[in-house]
Amino acid sequence: MRGLYLITNDDPLNVLLEKLHAALATGQIAILQYRRKKISQADQPVEVEQIKAVCEQYAVPFVINDDLALAQQYGLGVHLGQDDGEIADAVARLPQGVIIGRTCLNSLALAEKAISEGATYVAFGAVYATATKPEAGNVGIEVIAQARQKFAVPICAIGGLSVENSGLVITKGADLCAVISDILALNVADIPSRVHAWAQLFAKTA
């Protein structure tokens, strides 16, 4: 599991779907995460069904952010924040072999706990300042390097990442770089080339 980890934004669904097709058709998206905080819970299943179909079309793993019940409903993976449920509960309720991720902020101890409970990757951030979560403190890059030395599971970096500033993050040990705006803030026509630029960055720092 290595490469670009794309997280959905708050575009209208028809616009988002068009952008997701453009991104996933490149074959260079490692994981897609459903994160739509402005959509009511009642409306989310319909969106998940449509986005799940896109992911299946391009064979991209699909995970749900912070909602274990929704992930269970569709047999999908899940990414859980520290306050959004237990990893052991996700392992028990979801199909064997799905992706289960955990936000670990800047804590190796939280990551160790998550892995022991069954997390298949751990995420650290915000690495840089981010408009999505302005309250999240910068973890810097050293925790990524320490995690790489300590853990065998994939390490995900998140927070303010772009092609221009992520070379060192990957070199230090990030297997996955999670982004929203660096891809989805673009016009549809500009998305494939940006995804390819990320792919080249990962190839260069292999």
C-alpha atoms as a PDB file:
ATOM      1  CA  MET A   1       0.000   0.000   0.000  1.00  0.00           C
ATOM      2  CA  ARG A   2       1.899   3.017  -1.272  1.00  0.00           C
ATOM      3  CA  GLY A   3       1.019   6.222  -3.077  1.00  0.00           C
ATOM      4  CA  LEU A   4      -1.597   8.927  -3.092  1.00  0.00           C
ATOM      5  CA  TYR A   5      -4.485   8.633  -0.629  1.00  0.00           C
ATOM      6  CA  LEU A   6      -7.353  10.769  -1.902  1.00  0.00           C
ATOM      7  CA  ILE A   7     -10.063  12.120   0.415  1.00  0.00           C
ATOM      8  CA  THR A   8     -13.335  13.478  -0.948  1.00  0.00           C
ATOM      9  CA  ASN A   9     -14.186  17.178  -0.664  1.00  0.00           C
ATOM     10  CA  ASP A  10     -17.491  19.052  -0.342  1.00  0.00           C
ATOM     11  CA  ASP A  11     -18.172  19.634  -4.045  1.00  0.00           C
ATOM     12  CA  PRO A  12     -21.706  18.892  -5.281  1.00  0.00           C
ATOM     13  CA  LEU A  13     -21.887  15.156  -5.885  1.00  0.00           C
ATOM     14  CA  ASN A  14     -22.080  15.383  -9.689  1.00  0.00           C
ATOM     15  CA  VAL A  15     -18.934  17.543  -9.754  1.00  0.00           C
ATOM     16  CA  LEU A  16     -17.149  15.281  -7.277  1.00  0.00           C
ATOM     17  CA  LEU A  17     -17.971  12.165  -9.301  1.00  0.00           C
ATOM     18  CA  GLU A  18     -16.537  13.741 -12.432  1.00  0.00           C
ATOM     19  CA  LYS A  19     -13.334  14.616 -10.570  1.00  0.00           C
ATOM     20  CA  LEU A  20     -13.090  11.151  -9.048  1.00  0.00           C
ATOM     21  CA  HIS A  21     -13.364   9.533 -12.465  1.00  0.00           C
ATOM     22  CA  ALA A  22     -10.525  11.762 -13.689  1.00  0.00           C
ATOM     23  CA  ALA A  23      -8.327  10.912 -10.701  1.00  0.00           C
ATOM     24  CA  LEU A  24      -9.022   7.188 -10.419  1.00  0.00           C
ATOM     25  CA  ALA A  25      -8.752   6.566 -14.163  1.00  0.00           C
ATOM     26  CA  THR A  26      -5.027   7.350 -13.877  1.00  0.00           C
ATOM     27  CA  GLY A  27      -4.496   4.104 -11.977  1.00  0.00           C
ATOM     28  CA  GLN A  28      -2.376   6.062  -9.480  1.00  0.00           C
ATOM     29  CA  ILE A  29      -4.727   6.426  -6.489  1.00  0.00           C
ATOM     30  CA  ALA A  30      -3.876   4.002  -3.674  1.00  0.00           C
ATOM     31  CA  ILE A  31      -6.993   4.568  -1.525  1.00  0.00           C
ATOM     32  CA  LEU A  32     -10.108   6.750  -1.678  1.00  0.00           C
ATOM     33  CA  GLN A  33     -11.747   7.934   1.533  1.00  0.00           C
ATOM     34  CA  TYR A  34     -15.347   9.120   1.803  1.00  0.00           C
ATOM     35  CA  ARG A  35     -15.415  12.231   4.008  1.00  0.00           C
ATOM     36  CA  ARG A  36     -18.430  14.508   3.466  1.00  0.00           C
ATOM     37  CA  LYS A  37     -19.050  16.420   6.701  1.00  0.00           C
ATOM     38  CA  LYS A  38     -21.628  18.766   5.137  1.00  0.00           C
ATOM     39  CA  ILE A  39     -23.874  15.953   3.889  1.00  0.00           C
ATOM     40  CA  SER A  40     -26.570  14.696   6.249  1.00  0.00           C
ATOM     41  CA  GLN A  41     -26.211  11.119   7.464  1.00  0.00           C
ATOM     42  CA  ALA A  42     -29.500  10.271   5.775  1.00  0.00           C
ATOM     43  CA  ASP A  43     -28.095  11.303   2.381  1.00  0.00           C
ATOM     44  CA  GLN A  44     -24.684   9.662   2.731  1.00  0.00           C
ATOM     45  CA  PRO A  45     -25.637   6.065   1.781  1.00  0.00           C
ATOM     46  CA  VAL A  46     -26.812   7.172  -1.674  1.00  0.00           C
ATOM     47  CA  GLU A  47     -23.489   8.951  -2.226  1.00  0.00           C
ATOM     48  CA  VAL A  48     -21.490   6.010  -0.927  1.00  0.00           C
ATOM     49  CA  GLU A  49     -23.229   3.662  -3.359  1.00  0.00           C
ATOM     50  CA  GLN A  50     -22.331   5.865  -6.323  1.00  0.00           C
ATOM     51  CA  ILE A  51     -18.726   6.443  -5.260  1.00  0.00           C
ATOM     52  CA  LYS A  52     -18.292   2.754  -4.401  1.00  0.00           C
ATOM     53  CA  ALA A  53     -19.258   1.932  -7.989  1.00  0.00           C
ATOM     54  CA  VAL A  54     -16.565   4.305  -9.283  1.00  0.00           C
ATOM     55  CA  CYS A  55     -13.972   2.696  -7.005  1.00  0.00           C
ATOM     56  CA  GLU A  56     -14.985  -0.768  -8.185  1.00  0.00           C
ATOM     57  CA  GLN A  57     -14.721   0.360 -11.812  1.00  0.00           C
ATOM     58  CA  TYR A  58     -11.083   1.373 -11.267  1.00  0.00           C
ATOM     59  CA  ALA A  59     -10.236  -1.254  -8.593  1.00  0.00           C
ATOM     60  CA  VAL A  60      -9.396   1.359  -5.952  1.00  0.00           C
ATOM     61  CA  PRO A  61      -9.882   0.472  -2.256  1.00  0.00           C
ATOM     62  CA  PHE A  62     -12.642   2.574  -0.661  1.00  0.00           C
ATOM     63  CA  VAL A  63     -12.859   3.493   3.022  1.00  0.00           C
ATOM     64  CA  ILE A  64     -15.376   5.471   5.070  1.00  0.00           C
ATOM     65  CA  ASN A  65     -14.262   8.247   7.402  1.00  0.00           C
ATOM     66  CA  ASP A  66     -15.365   8.042  11.045  1.00  0.00           C
ATOM     67  CA  ASP A  67     -18.586   6.049  10.508  1.00  0.00           C
ATOM     68  CA  LEU A  68     -18.222   2.388  11.346  1.00  0.00           C
ATOM     69  CA  ALA A  69     -21.934   1.663  10.864  1.00  0.00           C
ATOM     70  CA  LEU A  70     -21.849   3.044   7.305  1.00  0.00           C
ATOM     71  CA  ALA A  71     -18.699   1.063   6.528  1.00  0.00           C
ATOM     72  CA  GLN A  72     -20.339  -2.072   7.900  1.00  0.00           C
ATOM     73  CA  GLN A  73     -23.493  -1.459   5.849  1.00  0.00           C
ATOM     74  CA  TYR A  74     -21.483  -1.629   2.616  1.00  0.00           C
ATOM     75  CA  GLY A  75     -18.712  -4.002   3.698  1.00  0.00           C
ATOM     76  CA  LEU A  76     -16.082  -1.291   3.274  1.00  0.00           C
ATOM     77  CA  GLY A  77     -12.945  -0.278   5.132  1.00  0.00           C
ATOM     78  CA  VAL A  78     -12.937   2.536   7.655  1.00  0.00           C
ATOM     79  CA  HIS A  79     -10.710   5.310   8.941  1.00  0.00           C
ATOM     80  CA  LEU A  80     -11.313   6.184  12.582  1.00  0.00           C
ATOM     81  CA  GLY A  81     -10.275   9.314  14.435  1.00  0.00           C
ATOM     82  CA  GLN A  82      -9.343   9.021  18.093  1.00  0.00           C
ATOM     83  CA  ASP A  83     -12.919   9.830  19.165  1.00  0.00           C
ATOM     84  CA  ASP A  84     -14.771   7.856  16.485  1.00  0.00           C
ATOM     85  CA  GLY A  85     -14.813   4.302  17.762  1.00  0.00           C
ATOM     86  CA  GLU A  86     -12.453   1.468  18.562  1.00  0.00           C
ATOM     87  CA  ILE A  87     -10.216  -0.372  16.128  1.00  0.00           C
ATOM     88  CA  ALA A  88     -11.014  -3.711  17.772  1.00  0.00           C
ATOM     89  CA  ASP A  89     -14.724  -3.023  17.177  1.00  0.00           C
ATOM     90  CA  ALA A  90     -14.028  -2.314  13.500  1.00  0.00           C
ATOM     91  CA  VAL A  91     -12.037  -5.539  13.169  1.00  0.00           C
ATOM     92  CA  ALA A  92     -14.941  -7.471  14.692  1.00  0.00           C
ATOM     93  CA  ARG A  93     -17.663  -5.861  12.572  1.00  0.00           C
ATOM     94  CA  LEU A  94     -16.068  -5.462   9.142  1.00  0.00           C
ATOM     95  CA  PRO A  95     -15.213  -8.123   6.558  1.00  0.00           C
ATOM     96  CA  GLN A  96     -11.824  -9.757   6.921  1.00  0.00           C
ATOM     97  CA  GLY A  97      -9.140  -8.088   4.844  1.00  0.00           C
ATOM     98  CA  VAL A  98     -10.623  -4.575   4.580  1.00  0.00           C
ATOM     99  CA  ILE A  99      -8.482  -1.525   5.248  1.00  0.00           C
ATOM    100  CA  ILE A 100      -8.750  -0.135   8.789  1.00  0.00           C
ATOM    101  CA  GLY A 101      -6.903   3.098   9.525  1.00  0.00           C
ATOM    102  CA  ARG A 102      -6.411   5.166  12.642  1.00  0.00           C
ATOM    103  CA  THR A 103      -5.600   8.840  13.191  1.00  0.00           C
ATOM    104  CA  CYS A 104      -2.640   8.929  15.585  1.00  0.00           C
ATOM    105  CA  LEU A 105      -1.958  12.700  15.627  1.00  0.00           C
ATOM    106  CA  ASN A 106       1.750  12.872  16.538  1.00  0.00           C
ATOM    107  CA  SER A 107       1.761   9.946  18.959  1.00  0.00           C
ATOM    108  CA  LEU A 108       3.766   6.761  18.454  1.00  0.00           C
ATOM    109  CA  ALA A 109       1.975   5.337  21.518  1.00  0.00           C
ATOM    110  CA  LEU A 110      -1.438   5.808  19.874  1.00  0.00           C
ATOM    111  CA  ALA A 111      -0.095   4.168  16.728  1.00  0.00           C
ATOM    112  CA  GLU A 112       1.288   1.208  18.658  1.00  0.00           C
ATOM    113  CA  LYS A 113      -2.087   0.731  20.365  1.00  0.00           C
ATOM    114  CA  ALA A 114      -3.962   0.941  17.050  1.00  0.00           C
ATOM    115  CA  ILE A 115      -1.692  -1.600  15.371  1.00  0.00           C
ATOM    116  CA  SER A 116      -1.983  -4.000  18.297  1.00  0.00           C
ATOM    117  CA  GLU A 117      -5.781  -3.800  17.947  1.00  0.00           C
ATOM    118  CA  GLY A 118      -5.719  -4.528  14.225  1.00  0.00           C
ATOM    119  CA  ALA A 119      -5.211  -1.269  12.311  1.00  0.00           C
ATOM    120  CA  THR A 120      -3.782  -1.915   8.851  1.00  0.00           C
ATOM    121  CA  TYR A 121      -2.264   1.576   8.560  1.00  0.00           C
ATOM    122  CA  VAL A 122      -1.656   4.510  10.900  1.00  0.00           C
ATOM    123  CA  ALA A 123      -1.926   8.200  10.009  1.00  0.00           C
ATOM    124  CA  PHE A 124       0.093  11.082  11.427  1.00  0.00           C
ATOM    125  CA  GLY A 125      -0.671  14.767  11.024  1.00  0.00           C
ATOM    126  CA  ALA A 126      -1.217  17.507  10.403  1.00  0.00           C
ATOM    127  CA  VAL A 127       2.270  17.518   8.922  1.00  0.00           C
ATOM    128  CA  TYR A 128       1.769  21.080   7.677  1.00  0.00           C
ATOM    129  CA  ALA A 129      -0.902  23.701   8.318  1.00  0.00           C
ATOM    130  CA  THR A 130      -4.217  22.867   6.663  1.00  0.00           C
ATOM    131  CA  ALA A 131      -7.421  24.730   5.844  1.00  0.00           C
ATOM    132  CA  THR A 132      -9.484  21.564   6.443  1.00  0.00           C
ATOM    133  CA  LYS A 133      -8.351  21.259  10.070  1.00  0.00           C
ATOM    134  CA  PRO A 134      -6.852  24.580  11.184  1.00  0.00           C
ATOM    135  CA  GLU A 135      -6.985  23.410  14.806  1.00  0.00           C
ATOM    136  CA  ALA A 136      -4.626  20.486  14.142  1.00  0.00           C
ATOM    137  CA  GLY A 137      -1.070  21.139  15.236  1.00  0.00           C
ATOM    138  CA  ASN A 138       1.853  20.502  12.934  1.00  0.00           C
ATOM    139  CA  VAL A 139       3.560  17.215  13.808  1.00  0.00           C
ATOM    140  CA  GLY A 140       6.603  17.917  11.710  1.00  0.00           C
ATOM    141  CA  ILE A 141       8.334  15.166   9.818  1.00  0.00           C
ATOM    142  CA  GLU A 142      10.377  13.483  12.542  1.00  0.00           C
ATOM    143  CA  VAL A 143       7.426  11.503  13.890  1.00  0.00           C
ATOM    144  CA  ILE A 144       7.008  10.018  10.403  1.00  0.00           C
ATOM    145  CA  ALA A 145      10.641   8.918  10.433  1.00  0.00           C
ATOM    146  CA  GLN A 146      10.304   7.435  13.933  1.00  0.00           C
ATOM    147  CA  ALA A 147       7.125   5.577  12.965  1.00  0.00           C
ATOM    148  CA  ARG A 148       8.798   4.129   9.876  1.00  0.00           C
ATOM    149  CA  GLN A 149      11.589   2.701  11.996  1.00  0.00           C
ATOM    150  CA  LYS A 150       9.190   1.303  14.598  1.00  0.00           C
ATOM    151  CA  PHE A 151       6.213  -0.111  12.650  1.00  0.00           C
ATOM    152  CA  ALA A 152       5.764  -2.551   9.785  1.00  0.00           C
ATOM    153  CA  VAL A 153       2.324  -1.298   8.666  1.00  0.00           C
ATOM    154  CA  PRO A 154       1.995   1.514   6.099  1.00  0.00           C
ATOM    155  CA  ILE A 155       2.511   5.036   7.447  1.00  0.00           C
ATOM    156  CA  CYS A 156       0.146   7.739   6.189  1.00  0.00           C
ATOM    157  CA  ALA A 157       0.979  11.435   6.338  1.00  0.00           C
ATOM    158  CA  ILE A 158      -1.792  14.012   6.218  1.00  0.00           C
ATOM    159  CA  GLY A 159      -2.153  17.759   6.438  1.00  0.00           C
ATOM    160  CA  GLY A 160      -1.245  20.480   3.975  1.00  0.00           C
ATOM    161  CA  LEU A 161       0.561  18.112   1.623  1.00  0.00           C
ATOM    162  CA  SER A 162       1.332  18.966  -1.988  1.00  0.00           C
ATOM    163  CA  VAL A 163       3.635  17.634  -4.676  1.00  0.00           C
ATOM    164  CA  GLU A 164       5.958  20.533  -3.934  1.00  0.00           C
ATOM    165  CA  ASN A 165       6.354  19.931  -0.187  1.00  0.00           C
ATOM    166  CA  SER A 166       6.040  16.153   0.187  1.00  0.00           C
ATOM    167  CA  GLY A 167       9.341  14.819  -1.140  1.00  0.00           C
ATOM    168  CA  LEU A 168      10.937  14.897   2.301  1.00  0.00           C
ATOM    169  CA  VAL A 169       7.808  13.423   3.923  1.00  0.00           C
ATOM    170  CA  ILE A 170       8.020  10.401   1.598  1.00  0.00           C
ATOM    171  CA  THR A 171      11.793  10.114   1.963  1.00  0.00           C
ATOM    172  CA  LYS A 172      11.423  10.066   5.747  1.00  0.00           C
ATOM    173  CA  GLY A 173       9.034   7.142   5.570  1.00  0.00           C
ATOM    174  CA  ALA A 174       5.482   8.019   4.514  1.00  0.00           C
ATOM    175  CA  ASP A 175       4.006   5.223   2.389  1.00  0.00           C
ATOM    176  CA  LEU A 176       0.793   7.162   1.807  1.00  0.00           C
ATOM    177  CA  CYS A 177       0.178  10.894   1.419  1.00  0.00           C
ATOM    178  CA  ALA A 178      -3.419  11.898   2.084  1.00  0.00           C
ATOM    179  CA  VAL A 179      -4.731  14.932   0.223  1.00  0.00           C
ATOM    180  CA  ILE A 180      -7.962  16.698  -0.558  1.00  0.00           C
ATOM    181  CA  SER A 181      -7.445  20.110  -2.122  1.00  0.00           C
ATOM    182  CA  ASP A 182      -4.170  19.367  -3.910  1.00  0.00           C
ATOM    183  CA  ILE A 183      -6.232  17.212  -6.280  1.00  0.00           C
ATOM    184  CA  LEU A 184      -9.915  18.034  -5.841  1.00  0.00           C
ATOM    185  CA  ALA A 185      -9.591  21.827  -5.780  1.00  0.00           C
ATOM    186  CA  LEU A 186      -8.431  21.586  -9.395  1.00  0.00           C
ATOM    187  CA  ASN A 187     -10.522  21.679 -12.527  1.00  0.00           C
ATOM    188  CA  VAL A 188     -11.321  18.235 -13.899  1.00  0.00           C
ATOM    189  CA  ALA A 189      -8.983  18.678 -16.870  1.00  0.00           C
ATOM    190  CA  ASP A 190      -6.024  19.427 -14.583  1.00  0.00           C
ATOM    191  CA  ILE A 191      -6.469  16.463 -12.240  1.00  0.00           C
ATOM    192  CA  PRO A 192      -4.770  13.648 -14.227  1.00  0.00           C
ATOM    193  CA  SER A 193      -1.498  15.523 -14.664  1.00  0.00           C
ATOM    194  CA  ARG A 194      -1.397  16.410 -10.959  1.00  0.00           C
ATOM    195  CA  VAL A 195      -2.016  12.791  -9.968  1.00  0.00           C
ATOM    196  CA  HIS A 196       0.777  11.720 -12.325  1.00  0.00           C
ATOM    197  CA  ALA A 197       3.082  14.290 -10.701  1.00  0.00           C
ATOM    198  CA  TRP A 198       2.399  12.610  -7.346  1.00  0.00           C
ATOM    199  CA  ALA A 199       3.085   9.195  -8.877  1.00  0.00           C
ATOM    200  CA  GLN A 200       6.418  10.452 -10.213  1.00  0.00           C
ATOM    201  CA  LEU A 201       7.292  11.814  -6.764  1.00  0.00           C
ATOM    202  CA  PHE A 202       6.642   8.435  -5.151  1.00  0.00           C
ATOM    203  CA  ALA A 203       8.637   6.672  -7.873  1.00  0.00           C
ATOM    204  CA  LYS A 204      11.539   9.079  -7.432  1.00  0.00           C
ATOM    205  CA  THR A 205      11.671   8.556  -3.657  1.00  0.00           C
ATOM    206  CA  ALA A 206      11.211   4.783  -3.708  1.00  0.00           C
END
